[in-house]
Amino acid sequence: MSEDDQLAEAARRAAAGHDRARNEPEPSLGKRFGQIGILGWAIVVPMLIGLFFGRWLDRTFETGVFFSAPLLMVGAVIGFWSAWKWMHRQ
């Protein structure tokens, strides 16, 4: 593909993006707050599940925070990963 063809293709993609943005209205403030809330819960819930399960294991085996801390971090990783995937689908 020549440089002129690449430039023309980039211009077509940019024009299509502008047309798409013009035709799709900006989401409302309520919808934005809803999205932020979903992201928050997507991160917090796996962390709480990991913490709950870790505390249960620590009480069962009397290990202090041996299981709680790592499972909290695993929950955080899962939560941030799921939030990342959700954001890129929107």
N, C-alpha and C. Protein backbone atom coordinates (compact mmCIF):
# COMPACT_ATOMS: atom_id res chain seq x y z
N MET A 1 0.85 -1.17 0.00
CA MET A 1 0.00 0.00 0.00
C MET A 1 0.90 1.24 0.00
N SER A 2 0.60 2.15 -0.90
CA SER A 2 1.43 3.35 -1.00
C SER A 2 1.11 4.32 0.14
N GLU A 3 1.96 5.30 0.29
CA GLU A 3 1.79 6.29 1.36
C GLU A 3 0.51 7.10 1.16
N ASP A 4 0.17 7.42 -0.10
CA ASP A 4 -1.06 8.15 -0.39
C ASP A 4 -2.29 7.32 -0.02
N ASP A 5 -2.23 6.01 -0.30
CA ASP A 5 -3.35 5.13 0.05
C ASP A 5 -3.52 5.03 1.57
N GLN A 6 -2.41 4.95 2.28
CA GLN A 6 -2.47 4.88 3.74
C GLN A 6 -3.05 6.17 4.32
N LEU A 7 -2.66 7.31 3.76
CA LEU A 7 -3.18 8.59 4.21
C LEU A 7 -4.67 8.70 3.92
N ALA A 8 -5.10 8.25 2.74
CA ALA A 8 -6.51 8.30 2.39
C ALA A 8 -7.32 7.39 3.30
N GLU A 9 -6.79 6.21 3.63
CA GLU A 9 -7.49 5.28 4.52
C GLU A 9 -7.61 5.87 5.93
N ALA A 10 -6.56 6.51 6.41
CA ALA A 10 -6.60 7.16 7.73
C ALA A 10 -7.63 8.28 7.74
N ALA A 11 -7.72 9.04 6.66
CA ALA A 11 -8.70 10.12 6.57
C ALA A 11 -10.12 9.55 6.56
N ARG A 12 -10.33 8.44 5.85
CA ARG A 12 -11.66 7.80 5.83
C ARG A 12 -12.05 7.31 7.22
N ARG A 13 -11.10 6.69 7.94
CA ARG A 13 -11.40 6.20 9.29
C ARG A 13 -11.72 7.36 10.23
N ALA A 14 -10.98 8.46 10.10
CA ALA A 14 -11.23 9.63 10.95
C ALA A 14 -12.60 10.22 10.65
N ALA A 15 -12.96 10.31 9.38
CA ALA A 15 -14.27 10.85 9.00
C ALA A 15 -15.39 9.94 9.50
N ALA A 16 -15.20 8.64 9.41
CA ALA A 16 -16.21 7.70 9.92
C ALA A 16 -16.35 7.83 11.43
N GLY A 17 -15.26 8.04 12.12
CA GLY A 17 -15.31 8.24 13.56
C GLY A 17 -16.05 9.51 13.93
N HIS A 18 -15.83 10.58 13.18
CA HIS A 18 -16.54 11.84 13.44
C HIS A 18 -18.04 11.67 13.17
N ASP A 19 -18.38 10.96 12.10
CA ASP A 19 -19.79 10.71 11.80
C ASP A 19 -20.46 9.89 12.90
N ARG A 20 -19.76 8.89 13.38
CA ARG A 20 -20.29 8.03 14.44
C ARG A 20 -20.49 8.84 15.73
N ALA A 21 -19.54 9.70 16.05
CA ALA A 21 -19.64 10.54 17.25
C ALA A 21 -20.79 11.54 17.13
N ARG A 22 -21.04 12.03 15.93
CA ARG A 22 -22.12 12.99 15.72
C ARG A 22 -23.48 12.30 15.85
N ASN A 23 -23.58 11.05 15.40
CA ASN A 23 -24.85 10.33 15.41
C ASN A 23 -25.19 9.72 16.77
N GLU A 24 -24.19 9.43 17.59
CA GLU A 24 -24.43 8.83 18.90
C GLU A 24 -24.33 9.92 19.96
N PRO A 25 -25.41 10.17 20.69
CA PRO A 25 -25.38 11.24 21.69
C PRO A 25 -24.49 10.88 22.87
N GLU A 26 -24.02 11.91 23.55
CA GLU A 26 -23.20 11.74 24.76
C GLU A 26 -24.07 11.16 25.86
N PRO A 27 -23.57 10.15 26.61
CA PRO A 27 -24.38 9.58 27.70
C PRO A 27 -24.69 10.63 28.77
N SER A 28 -25.83 10.46 29.41
CA SER A 28 -26.26 11.41 30.44
C SER A 28 -25.38 11.29 31.68
N LEU A 29 -25.49 12.27 32.55
CA LEU A 29 -24.73 12.27 33.80
C LEU A 29 -25.11 11.08 34.67
N GLY A 30 -26.40 10.75 34.69
CA GLY A 30 -26.86 9.60 35.46
C GLY A 30 -26.26 8.30 34.96
N LYS A 31 -26.16 8.17 33.64
CA LYS A 31 -25.57 6.96 33.07
C LYS A 31 -24.08 6.89 33.41
N ARG A 32 -23.40 8.01 33.38
CA ARG A 32 -21.97 8.05 33.75
C ARG A 32 -21.78 7.62 35.21
N PHE A 33 -22.63 8.17 36.11
CA PHE A 33 -22.54 7.78 37.52
C PHE A 33 -22.83 6.28 37.68
N GLY A 34 -23.76 5.77 36.91
CA GLY A 34 -24.07 4.34 36.95
C GLY A 34 -22.86 3.50 36.53
N GLN A 35 -22.18 3.95 35.49
CA GLN A 35 -20.99 3.23 35.04
C GLN A 35 -19.90 3.24 36.10
N ILE A 36 -19.73 4.38 36.76
CA ILE A 36 -18.73 4.47 37.82
C ILE A 36 -19.09 3.53 38.96
N GLY A 37 -20.38 3.47 39.29
CA GLY A 37 -20.84 2.57 40.35
C GLY A 37 -20.59 1.11 40.01
N ILE A 38 -20.86 0.74 38.77
CA ILE A 38 -20.62 -0.64 38.34
C ILE A 38 -19.14 -0.97 38.44
N LEU A 39 -18.29 -0.05 38.01
CA LEU A 39 -16.85 -0.29 38.11
C LEU A 39 -16.41 -0.46 39.56
N GLY A 40 -16.96 0.37 40.44
CA GLY A 40 -16.61 0.26 41.85
C GLY A 40 -16.99 -1.09 42.42
N TRP A 41 -18.20 -1.53 42.15
CA TRP A 41 -18.63 -2.84 42.65
C TRP A 41 -17.86 -3.97 41.99
N ALA A 42 -17.50 -3.82 40.73
CA ALA A 42 -16.73 -4.86 40.04
C ALA A 42 -15.37 -5.06 40.69
N ILE A 43 -14.84 -4.03 41.33
CA ILE A 43 -13.54 -4.13 41.99
C ILE A 43 -13.72 -4.57 43.45
N VAL A 44 -14.70 -4.01 44.14
CA VAL A 44 -14.85 -4.25 45.57
C VAL A 44 -15.36 -5.65 45.88
N VAL A 45 -16.33 -6.15 45.13
CA VAL A 45 -16.94 -7.44 45.45
C VAL A 45 -15.92 -8.59 45.43
N PRO A 46 -15.07 -8.74 44.39
CA PRO A 46 -14.07 -9.82 44.45
C PRO A 46 -13.09 -9.66 45.62
N MET A 47 -12.78 -8.41 45.98
CA MET A 47 -11.89 -8.19 47.12
C MET A 47 -12.56 -8.65 48.41
N LEU A 48 -13.83 -8.33 48.58
CA LEU A 48 -14.54 -8.75 49.78
C LEU A 48 -14.69 -10.26 49.85
N ILE A 49 -14.93 -10.89 48.72
CA ILE A 49 -15.04 -12.35 48.69
C ILE A 49 -13.70 -12.97 49.09
N GLY A 50 -12.61 -12.47 48.52
CA GLY A 50 -11.28 -12.98 48.89
C GLY A 50 -10.98 -12.76 50.36
N LEU A 51 -11.34 -11.60 50.89
CA LEU A 51 -11.10 -11.31 52.30
C LEU A 51 -11.95 -12.21 53.20
N PHE A 52 -13.20 -12.41 52.84
CA PHE A 52 -14.07 -13.27 53.62
C PHE A 52 -13.54 -14.70 53.65
N PHE A 53 -13.18 -15.23 52.49
CA PHE A 53 -12.67 -16.59 52.41
C PHE A 53 -11.33 -16.71 53.14
N GLY A 54 -10.48 -15.70 53.01
CA GLY A 54 -9.19 -15.70 53.70
C GLY A 54 -9.34 -15.66 55.20
N ARG A 55 -10.27 -14.82 55.71
CA ARG A 55 -10.51 -14.77 57.16
C ARG A 55 -11.05 -16.10 57.67
N TRP A 56 -11.92 -16.73 56.87
CA TRP A 56 -12.46 -18.03 57.26
C TRP A 56 -11.33 -19.07 57.36
N LEU A 57 -10.44 -19.07 56.38
CA LEU A 57 -9.31 -20.00 56.42
C LEU A 57 -8.38 -19.70 57.59
N ASP A 58 -8.13 -18.42 57.86
CA ASP A 58 -7.26 -18.04 58.97
C ASP A 58 -7.86 -18.45 60.31
N ARG A 59 -9.17 -18.31 60.48
CA ARG A 59 -9.79 -18.75 61.72
C ARG A 59 -9.79 -20.26 61.83
N THR A 60 -9.99 -20.93 60.71
CA THR A 60 -10.02 -22.39 60.74
C THR A 60 -8.65 -22.96 61.10
N PHE A 61 -7.59 -22.43 60.51
CA PHE A 61 -6.25 -22.96 60.73
C PHE A 61 -5.43 -22.14 61.73
N GLU A 62 -6.05 -21.08 62.31
CA GLU A 62 -5.39 -20.22 63.30
C GLU A 62 -4.03 -19.72 62.80
N THR A 63 -4.06 -19.04 61.66
CA THR A 63 -2.82 -18.60 61.01
C THR A 63 -2.66 -17.08 60.94
N GLY A 64 -3.40 -16.32 61.72
CA GLY A 64 -3.25 -14.86 61.68
C GLY A 64 -3.83 -14.30 60.40
N VAL A 65 -2.99 -13.71 59.56
CA VAL A 65 -3.45 -13.18 58.27
C VAL A 65 -2.75 -13.88 57.10
N PHE A 66 -2.35 -15.10 57.33
CA PHE A 66 -1.61 -15.86 56.32
C PHE A 66 -2.40 -16.01 55.02
N PHE A 67 -3.70 -16.26 55.14
CA PHE A 67 -4.54 -16.43 53.95
C PHE A 67 -5.27 -15.14 53.56
N SER A 68 -5.59 -14.31 54.54
CA SER A 68 -6.39 -13.10 54.26
C SER A 68 -5.69 -12.14 53.32
N ALA A 69 -4.45 -11.83 53.59
CA ALA A 69 -3.73 -10.85 52.77
C ALA A 69 -3.57 -11.30 51.32
N PRO A 70 -3.08 -12.52 51.07
CA PRO A 70 -2.96 -12.93 49.66
C PRO A 70 -4.29 -13.03 48.94
N LEU A 71 -5.32 -13.53 49.62
CA LEU A 71 -6.61 -13.66 48.95
C LEU A 71 -7.26 -12.30 48.70
N LEU A 72 -6.97 -11.33 49.57
CA LEU A 72 -7.42 -9.96 49.31
C LEU A 72 -6.75 -9.42 48.04
N MET A 73 -5.46 -9.68 47.88
CA MET A 73 -4.74 -9.23 46.68
C MET A 73 -5.24 -9.96 45.43
N VAL A 74 -5.51 -11.25 45.55
CA VAL A 74 -6.06 -12.00 44.42
C VAL A 74 -7.41 -11.42 44.03
N GLY A 75 -8.24 -11.09 45.02
CA GLY A 75 -9.53 -10.47 44.74
C GLY A 75 -9.36 -9.12 44.05
N ALA A 76 -8.36 -8.34 44.48
CA ALA A 76 -8.11 -7.04 43.84
C ALA A 76 -7.69 -7.23 42.38
N VAL A 77 -6.83 -8.19 42.13
CA VAL A 77 -6.39 -8.45 40.75
C VAL A 77 -7.57 -8.86 39.89
N ILE A 78 -8.40 -9.76 40.41
CA ILE A 78 -9.57 -10.21 39.65
C ILE A 78 -10.52 -9.03 39.42
N GLY A 79 -10.73 -8.20 40.44
CA GLY A 79 -11.62 -7.05 40.31
C GLY A 79 -11.13 -6.04 39.30
N PHE A 80 -9.84 -5.69 39.37
CA PHE A 80 -9.31 -4.72 38.41
C PHE A 80 -9.30 -5.29 36.99
N TRP A 81 -9.02 -6.58 36.86
CA TRP A 81 -9.03 -7.20 35.54
C TRP A 81 -10.45 -7.18 34.95
N SER A 82 -11.45 -7.53 35.77
CA SER A 82 -12.82 -7.53 35.26
C SER A 82 -13.29 -6.10 34.94
N ALA A 83 -12.87 -5.12 35.75
CA ALA A 83 -13.23 -3.73 35.45
C ALA A 83 -12.57 -3.28 34.15
N TRP A 84 -11.32 -3.66 33.95
CA TRP A 84 -10.61 -3.33 32.71
C TRP A 84 -11.32 -3.91 31.49
N LYS A 85 -11.71 -5.19 31.60
CA LYS A 85 -12.40 -5.83 30.49
C LYS A 85 -13.75 -5.15 30.24
N TRP A 86 -14.48 -4.79 31.30
CA TRP A 86 -15.77 -4.15 31.15
C TRP A 86 -15.62 -2.79 30.49
N MET A 87 -14.61 -2.04 30.89
CA MET A 87 -14.39 -0.70 30.30
C MET A 87 -14.10 -0.79 28.82
N HIS A 88 -13.37 -1.80 28.40
CA HIS A 88 -13.03 -1.91 26.98
C HIS A 88 -14.16 -2.46 26.13
N ARG A 89 -15.19 -3.04 26.76
CA ARG A 89 -16.36 -3.47 26.02
C ARG A 89 -17.32 -2.31 25.79
N GLN A 90 -17.26 -1.29 26.63
CA GLN A 90 -18.21 -0.16 26.55
C GLN A 90 -17.86 0.76 25.42
